[in-house]
Amino acid sequence: MQVVPKNDATPPAIDETASKTSAETPERAKRPDLLDAIVARSDMKRSDVKLVMDLVLAEMGTLLDAHDELAVSPLGKLMVKKRVEKPGGALLTVKLKRTGPQPGPSAATEAPGEADPGADEKD
């Protein structure tokens, strides 16, 4: 606890960067992170993965422009909730509904037969 004399009207300086927690400033995954993850899980060259990823993302954008829903397994179902036309392009508010259990980072690399046998049991 810091003691401030009564005759000093200026409050002590607050370090705003130290007060932010990780919950307030979540880490954001970016395009290179996705590209690196795909390259690590496949035997494809980075340039080939980049080309396919560009095509998939461009097609998803085109489909979302034309339709209100896009079902992409295993990602889930994308639903356009709001569209606002802006001078730089359309602004879409999209809801993503994930279905089924979501594997963690280590479970995503397991083969289907290697899952925990007791995981499906009810308590």
N, C-alpha and C. Protein backbone atom coordinates (compact mmCIF):
# COMPACT_ATOMS: atom_id res chain seq x y z
N MET A 1 0.85 -1.18 0.00
CA MET A 1 0.00 0.00 0.00
C MET A 1 0.88 1.23 0.00
N GLN A 2 0.55 2.18 -0.88
CA GLN A 2 1.34 3.40 -1.00
C GLN A 2 0.65 4.51 -0.22
N VAL A 3 1.43 5.22 0.59
CA VAL A 3 0.88 6.32 1.38
C VAL A 3 1.17 7.62 0.64
N VAL A 4 0.11 8.41 0.39
CA VAL A 4 0.25 9.69 -0.30
C VAL A 4 -0.05 10.79 0.70
N PRO A 5 0.84 11.76 0.84
CA PRO A 5 0.57 12.86 1.76
C PRO A 5 -0.70 13.61 1.36
N LYS A 6 -1.43 14.10 2.36
CA LYS A 6 -2.70 14.79 2.11
C LYS A 6 -2.53 16.06 1.30
N ASN A 7 -1.40 16.73 1.39
CA ASN A 7 -1.22 17.99 0.66
C ASN A 7 -0.84 17.76 -0.80
N ASP A 8 -0.55 16.54 -1.20
CA ASP A 8 -0.21 16.24 -2.60
C ASP A 8 -1.49 15.80 -3.31
N ALA A 9 -1.99 16.61 -4.24
CA ALA A 9 -3.25 16.34 -4.91
C ALA A 9 -3.08 15.43 -6.12
N THR A 10 -1.86 15.18 -6.56
CA THR A 10 -1.68 14.34 -7.75
C THR A 10 -1.66 12.87 -7.36
N PRO A 11 -2.47 12.06 -8.04
CA PRO A 11 -2.49 10.62 -7.72
C PRO A 11 -1.22 9.95 -8.24
N PRO A 12 -0.85 8.82 -7.66
CA PRO A 12 0.32 8.11 -8.14
C PRO A 12 0.09 7.58 -9.56
N ALA A 13 1.16 7.47 -10.34
CA ALA A 13 1.07 6.98 -11.72
C ALA A 13 0.66 5.50 -11.72
N ILE A 14 -0.18 5.15 -12.66
CA ILE A 14 -0.65 3.77 -12.78
C ILE A 14 -0.06 3.18 -14.05
N ASP A 15 0.56 2.04 -13.92
CA ASP A 15 1.10 1.34 -15.07
C ASP A 15 -0.02 0.52 -15.69
N GLU A 16 -0.59 1.01 -16.81
CA GLU A 16 -1.74 0.36 -17.43
C GLU A 16 -1.38 -0.98 -18.06
N THR A 17 -0.16 -1.13 -18.54
CA THR A 17 0.21 -2.40 -19.16
C THR A 17 0.31 -3.51 -18.14
N ALA A 18 0.70 -3.20 -16.91
CA ALA A 18 0.82 -4.22 -15.88
C ALA A 18 -0.54 -4.64 -15.35
N SER A 19 -1.55 -3.76 -15.45
CA SER A 19 -2.85 -4.08 -14.88
C SER A 19 -3.70 -4.95 -15.80
N LYS A 20 -3.36 -5.07 -17.07
CA LYS A 20 -4.13 -5.90 -17.99
C LYS A 20 -3.78 -7.36 -17.79
N THR A 21 -4.80 -8.18 -17.72
CA THR A 21 -4.57 -9.61 -17.57
C THR A 21 -4.68 -10.29 -18.92
N SER A 22 -4.34 -11.55 -18.97
CA SER A 22 -4.42 -12.28 -20.23
C SER A 22 -5.87 -12.44 -20.68
N ALA A 23 -6.82 -12.42 -19.75
CA ALA A 23 -8.23 -12.53 -20.12
C ALA A 23 -8.70 -11.26 -20.84
N GLU A 24 -8.12 -10.12 -20.51
CA GLU A 24 -8.51 -8.86 -21.16
C GLU A 24 -7.84 -8.71 -22.52
N THR A 25 -6.69 -9.29 -22.71
CA THR A 25 -5.97 -9.18 -23.97
C THR A 25 -5.66 -10.57 -24.50
N PRO A 26 -6.66 -11.24 -25.08
CA PRO A 26 -6.44 -12.60 -25.56
C PRO A 26 -5.47 -12.60 -26.74
N GLU A 27 -4.72 -13.68 -26.83
CA GLU A 27 -3.80 -13.82 -27.93
C GLU A 27 -4.60 -14.12 -29.18
N ARG A 28 -4.20 -13.55 -30.31
CA ARG A 28 -4.93 -13.74 -31.56
C ARG A 28 -4.10 -14.60 -32.50
N ALA A 29 -4.68 -15.67 -32.98
CA ALA A 29 -4.03 -16.50 -33.99
C ALA A 29 -4.16 -15.79 -35.33
N LYS A 30 -3.12 -15.81 -36.10
CA LYS A 30 -3.12 -15.13 -37.39
C LYS A 30 -2.90 -16.14 -38.51
N ARG A 31 -3.01 -15.67 -39.70
CA ARG A 31 -2.90 -16.51 -40.90
C ARG A 31 -1.62 -17.35 -40.93
N PRO A 32 -0.45 -16.79 -40.63
CA PRO A 32 0.77 -17.63 -40.63
C PRO A 32 0.71 -18.75 -39.60
N ASP A 33 0.03 -18.52 -38.48
CA ASP A 33 -0.11 -19.57 -37.46
C ASP A 33 -0.91 -20.74 -38.01
N LEU A 34 -2.00 -20.43 -38.72
CA LEU A 34 -2.82 -21.48 -39.33
C LEU A 34 -2.03 -22.21 -40.41
N LEU A 35 -1.31 -21.47 -41.21
CA LEU A 35 -0.50 -22.07 -42.27
C LEU A 35 0.56 -23.01 -41.69
N ASP A 36 1.24 -22.57 -40.64
CA ASP A 36 2.27 -23.40 -40.00
C ASP A 36 1.66 -24.67 -39.39
N ALA A 37 0.47 -24.56 -38.79
CA ALA A 37 -0.18 -25.72 -38.19
C ALA A 37 -0.56 -26.75 -39.24
N ILE A 38 -1.04 -26.28 -40.38
CA ILE A 38 -1.41 -27.20 -41.46
C ILE A 38 -0.18 -27.88 -42.04
N VAL A 39 0.89 -27.13 -42.25
CA VAL A 39 2.13 -27.70 -42.77
C VAL A 39 2.68 -28.76 -41.81
N ALA A 40 2.59 -28.49 -40.51
CA ALA A 40 3.10 -29.43 -39.51
C ALA A 40 2.30 -30.73 -39.49
N ARG A 41 1.01 -30.68 -39.80
CA ARG A 41 0.16 -31.87 -39.76
C ARG A 41 0.08 -32.61 -41.08
N SER A 42 0.70 -32.07 -42.12
CA SER A 42 0.63 -32.73 -43.42
C SER A 42 2.04 -32.92 -43.98
N ASP A 43 2.11 -33.61 -45.10
CA ASP A 43 3.41 -33.77 -45.76
C ASP A 43 3.51 -32.88 -47.00
N MET A 44 2.66 -31.86 -47.05
CA MET A 44 2.64 -30.94 -48.19
C MET A 44 3.66 -29.83 -48.00
N LYS A 45 4.11 -29.27 -49.13
CA LYS A 45 5.01 -28.12 -49.08
C LYS A 45 4.23 -26.89 -48.65
N ARG A 46 4.92 -25.96 -47.99
CA ARG A 46 4.30 -24.74 -47.50
C ARG A 46 3.64 -23.96 -48.64
N SER A 47 4.27 -23.88 -49.80
CA SER A 47 3.71 -23.13 -50.93
C SER A 47 2.41 -23.76 -51.42
N ASP A 48 2.33 -25.11 -51.41
CA ASP A 48 1.11 -25.78 -51.82
C ASP A 48 -0.01 -25.56 -50.80
N VAL A 49 0.33 -25.63 -49.52
CA VAL A 49 -0.66 -25.39 -48.46
C VAL A 49 -1.18 -23.96 -48.55
N LYS A 50 -0.29 -23.02 -48.80
CA LYS A 50 -0.70 -21.61 -48.91
C LYS A 50 -1.68 -21.42 -50.06
N LEU A 51 -1.41 -22.05 -51.20
CA LEU A 51 -2.29 -21.94 -52.36
C LEU A 51 -3.67 -22.52 -52.05
N VAL A 52 -3.71 -23.70 -51.46
CA VAL A 52 -4.99 -24.34 -51.13
C VAL A 52 -5.74 -23.51 -50.08
N MET A 53 -5.02 -23.03 -49.08
CA MET A 53 -5.66 -22.23 -48.03
C MET A 53 -6.25 -20.94 -48.62
N ASP A 54 -5.53 -20.30 -49.53
CA ASP A 54 -6.05 -19.09 -50.18
C ASP A 54 -7.33 -19.40 -50.96
N LEU A 55 -7.34 -20.52 -51.68
CA LEU A 55 -8.53 -20.90 -52.45
C LEU A 55 -9.71 -21.21 -51.54
N VAL A 56 -9.48 -21.94 -50.47
CA VAL A 56 -10.55 -22.29 -49.54
C VAL A 56 -11.13 -21.04 -48.90
N LEU A 57 -10.28 -20.15 -48.41
CA LEU A 57 -10.77 -18.93 -47.75
C LEU A 57 -11.51 -18.02 -48.72
N ALA A 58 -11.02 -17.92 -49.97
CA ALA A 58 -11.70 -17.10 -50.98
C ALA A 58 -13.08 -17.68 -51.29
N GLU A 59 -13.18 -19.00 -51.44
CA GLU A 59 -14.47 -19.63 -51.71
C GLU A 59 -15.43 -19.48 -50.53
N MET A 60 -14.91 -19.60 -49.30
CA MET A 60 -15.76 -19.40 -48.13
C MET A 60 -16.32 -17.99 -48.11
N GLY A 61 -15.50 -17.01 -48.44
CA GLY A 61 -15.96 -15.63 -48.50
C GLY A 61 -17.03 -15.43 -49.56
N THR A 62 -16.84 -16.03 -50.72
CA THR A 62 -17.82 -15.94 -51.81
C THR A 62 -19.15 -16.59 -51.40
N LEU A 63 -19.06 -17.76 -50.77
CA LEU A 63 -20.28 -18.44 -50.32
C LEU A 63 -21.01 -17.66 -49.23
N LEU A 64 -20.27 -17.05 -48.31
CA LEU A 64 -20.90 -16.25 -47.26
C LEU A 64 -21.53 -14.98 -47.84
N ASP A 65 -20.98 -14.45 -48.93
CA ASP A 65 -21.59 -13.31 -49.59
C ASP A 65 -22.93 -13.69 -50.21
N ALA A 66 -23.02 -14.92 -50.72
CA ALA A 66 -24.22 -15.36 -51.44
C ALA A 66 -25.26 -16.03 -50.55
N HIS A 67 -24.85 -16.60 -49.41
CA HIS A 67 -25.77 -17.36 -48.57
C HIS A 67 -25.68 -16.89 -47.13
N ASP A 68 -26.71 -17.22 -46.34
CA ASP A 68 -26.73 -16.86 -44.92
C ASP A 68 -26.12 -17.93 -44.03
N GLU A 69 -25.95 -19.15 -44.56
CA GLU A 69 -25.38 -20.23 -43.77
C GLU A 69 -24.36 -20.99 -44.61
N LEU A 70 -23.33 -21.48 -43.92
CA LEU A 70 -22.31 -22.29 -44.55
C LEU A 70 -21.90 -23.37 -43.56
N ALA A 71 -22.17 -24.63 -43.90
CA ALA A 71 -21.83 -25.75 -43.03
C ALA A 71 -20.51 -26.33 -43.53
N VAL A 72 -19.49 -26.28 -42.68
CA VAL A 72 -18.16 -26.76 -43.04
C VAL A 72 -17.68 -27.69 -41.94
N SER A 73 -17.84 -28.99 -42.19
CA SER A 73 -17.38 -29.97 -41.21
C SER A 73 -15.87 -30.12 -41.33
N PRO A 74 -15.12 -30.22 -40.31
CA PRO A 74 -15.43 -30.33 -38.91
C PRO A 74 -15.47 -28.98 -38.18
N LEU A 75 -15.32 -27.88 -38.90
CA LEU A 75 -15.33 -26.56 -38.25
C LEU A 75 -16.67 -26.29 -37.57
N GLY A 76 -17.75 -26.46 -38.31
CA GLY A 76 -19.08 -26.21 -37.76
C GLY A 76 -19.94 -25.47 -38.77
N LYS A 77 -20.96 -24.80 -38.26
CA LYS A 77 -21.91 -24.09 -39.11
C LYS A 77 -21.74 -22.58 -38.90
N LEU A 78 -21.45 -21.87 -39.98
CA LEU A 78 -21.33 -20.42 -39.95
C LEU A 78 -22.67 -19.82 -40.37
N MET A 79 -23.18 -18.89 -39.55
CA MET A 79 -24.45 -18.24 -39.86
C MET A 79 -24.24 -16.73 -39.87
N VAL A 80 -24.60 -16.08 -40.97
CA VAL A 80 -24.50 -14.63 -41.06
C VAL A 80 -25.68 -14.03 -40.31
N LYS A 81 -25.39 -13.27 -39.26
CA LYS A 81 -26.44 -12.67 -38.44
C LYS A 81 -26.76 -11.24 -38.85
N LYS A 82 -25.79 -10.56 -39.45
CA LYS A 82 -25.99 -9.16 -39.81
C LYS A 82 -25.06 -8.81 -40.96
N ARG A 83 -25.57 -8.04 -41.92
CA ARG A 83 -24.77 -7.56 -43.05
C ARG A 83 -24.90 -6.04 -43.12
N VAL A 84 -23.78 -5.36 -43.20
CA VAL A 84 -23.78 -3.91 -43.33
C VAL A 84 -22.83 -3.56 -44.48
N GLU A 85 -23.37 -2.86 -45.47
CA GLU A 85 -22.53 -2.45 -46.61
C GLU A 85 -21.73 -1.22 -46.22
N LYS A 86 -20.42 -1.31 -46.37
CA LYS A 86 -19.51 -0.21 -46.07
C LYS A 86 -18.77 0.16 -47.36
N PRO A 87 -18.20 1.35 -47.44
CA PRO A 87 -17.46 1.74 -48.64
C PRO A 87 -16.30 0.80 -48.98
N GLY A 88 -15.67 0.22 -47.97
CA GLY A 88 -14.54 -0.68 -48.21
C GLY A 88 -14.96 -2.12 -48.43
N GLY A 89 -16.25 -2.42 -48.34
CA GLY A 89 -16.75 -3.79 -48.49
C GLY A 89 -17.80 -4.08 -47.44
N ALA A 90 -18.37 -5.24 -47.52
CA ALA A 90 -19.44 -5.62 -46.60
C ALA A 90 -18.86 -6.02 -45.25
N LEU A 91 -19.56 -5.66 -44.19
CA LEU A 91 -19.21 -6.05 -42.83
C LEU A 91 -20.22 -7.11 -42.40
N LEU A 92 -19.72 -8.32 -42.14
CA LEU A 92 -20.59 -9.42 -41.75
C LEU A 92 -20.40 -9.75 -40.28
N THR A 93 -21.49 -9.91 -39.56
CA THR A 93 -21.45 -10.44 -38.20
C THR A 93 -21.82 -11.91 -38.34
N VAL A 94 -20.87 -12.78 -37.96
CA VAL A 94 -21.03 -14.21 -38.19
C VAL A 94 -21.02 -14.96 -36.86
N LYS A 95 -21.93 -15.92 -36.74
CA LYS A 95 -21.98 -16.79 -35.57
C LYS A 95 -21.48 -18.16 -36.03
N LEU A 96 -20.62 -18.76 -35.23
CA LEU A 96 -20.10 -20.08 -35.53
C LEU A 96 -20.61 -21.05 -34.49
N LYS A 97 -21.32 -22.08 -34.93
CA LYS A 97 -21.80 -23.11 -34.01
C LYS A 97 -20.95 -24.34 -34.21
N ARG A 98 -20.20 -24.69 -33.17
CA ARG A 98 -19.37 -25.89 -33.18
C ARG A 98 -20.21 -27.04 -32.67
N THR A 99 -20.14 -28.20 -33.30
CA THR A 99 -20.92 -29.35 -32.87
C THR A 99 -19.99 -30.45 -32.38
N GLY A 100 -20.48 -31.22 -31.42
CA GLY A 100 -19.72 -32.34 -30.91
C GLY A 100 -18.60 -31.91 -30.00
N PRO A 101 -17.87 -32.89 -29.46
CA PRO A 101 -16.76 -32.57 -28.57
C PRO A 101 -15.62 -31.92 -29.35
N GLN A 102 -15.03 -30.90 -28.76
CA GLN A 102 -13.93 -30.20 -29.41
C GLN A 102 -12.61 -30.73 -28.87
N PRO A 103 -11.80 -31.34 -29.73
CA PRO A 103 -10.54 -31.89 -29.24
C PRO A 103 -9.57 -30.79 -28.87
N GLY A 104 -8.76 -31.08 -27.86
CA GLY A 104 -7.70 -30.15 -27.48
C GLY A 104 -6.54 -30.30 -28.44
N PRO A 105 -5.49 -29.50 -28.27
CA PRO A 105 -4.35 -29.57 -29.19
C PRO A 105 -3.70 -30.94 -29.25
N SER A 106 -3.62 -31.66 -28.12
CA SER A 106 -2.99 -32.97 -28.14
C SER A 106 -3.93 -34.03 -28.69
N ALA A 107 -5.23 -33.88 -28.46
CA ALA A 107 -6.20 -34.87 -28.93
C ALA A 107 -6.40 -34.79 -30.44
N ALA A 108 -6.12 -33.65 -31.04
CA ALA A 108 -6.33 -33.48 -32.47
C ALA A 108 -5.38 -34.35 -33.29
N THR A 109 -4.25 -34.72 -32.71
CA THR A 109 -3.28 -35.51 -33.44
C THR A 109 -3.41 -37.00 -33.19
N GLU A 110 -4.32 -37.41 -32.28
CA GLU A 110 -4.52 -38.83 -32.00
C GLU A 110 -5.27 -39.50 -33.14
N ALA A 111 -4.96 -40.76 -33.36
CA ALA A 111 -5.72 -41.55 -34.32
C ALA A 111 -7.06 -41.89 -33.69
N PRO A 112 -8.11 -42.10 -34.49
CA PRO A 112 -9.43 -42.38 -33.93
C PRO A 112 -9.45 -43.56 -32.96
N GLY A 113 -8.68 -44.59 -33.18
CA GLY A 113 -8.68 -45.75 -32.31
C GLY A 113 -7.90 -45.56 -31.03
N GLU A 114 -7.18 -44.44 -30.89
CA GLU A 114 -6.34 -44.21 -29.72
C GLU A 114 -7.02 -43.38 -28.64
N ALA A 115 -8.30 -43.09 -28.78
CA ALA A 115 -9.01 -42.26 -27.81
C ALA A 115 -9.12 -43.00 -26.49
N ASP A 116 -9.32 -42.25 -25.42
CA ASP A 116 -9.48 -42.82 -24.08
C ASP A 116 -10.73 -43.68 -24.05
N PRO A 117 -10.62 -45.00 -23.76
CA PRO A 117 -11.80 -45.86 -23.80
C PRO A 117 -12.85 -45.50 -22.77
N GLY A 118 -12.50 -44.87 -21.67
CA GLY A 118 -13.46 -44.51 -20.63
C GLY A 118 -14.08 -43.15 -20.84
N ALA A 119 -13.75 -42.47 -21.93
CA ALA A 119 -14.22 -41.10 -22.14
C ALA A 119 -15.73 -41.04 -22.42
N ASP A 120 -16.30 -42.10 -22.98
CA ASP A 120 -17.72 -42.07 -23.33
C ASP A 120 -18.64 -42.53 -22.21
N GLU A 121 -18.07 -43.00 -21.11
CA GLU A 121 -18.88 -43.48 -20.00
C GLU A 121 -19.54 -42.33 -19.27
N LYS A 122 -20.81 -42.54 -18.85
CA LYS A 122 -21.52 -41.51 -18.10
C LYS A 122 -21.32 -41.73 -16.62
N ASP A 123 -21.29 -40.62 -15.86
CA ASP A 123 -21.11 -40.70 -14.41
C ASP A 123 -22.40 -41.00 -13.71
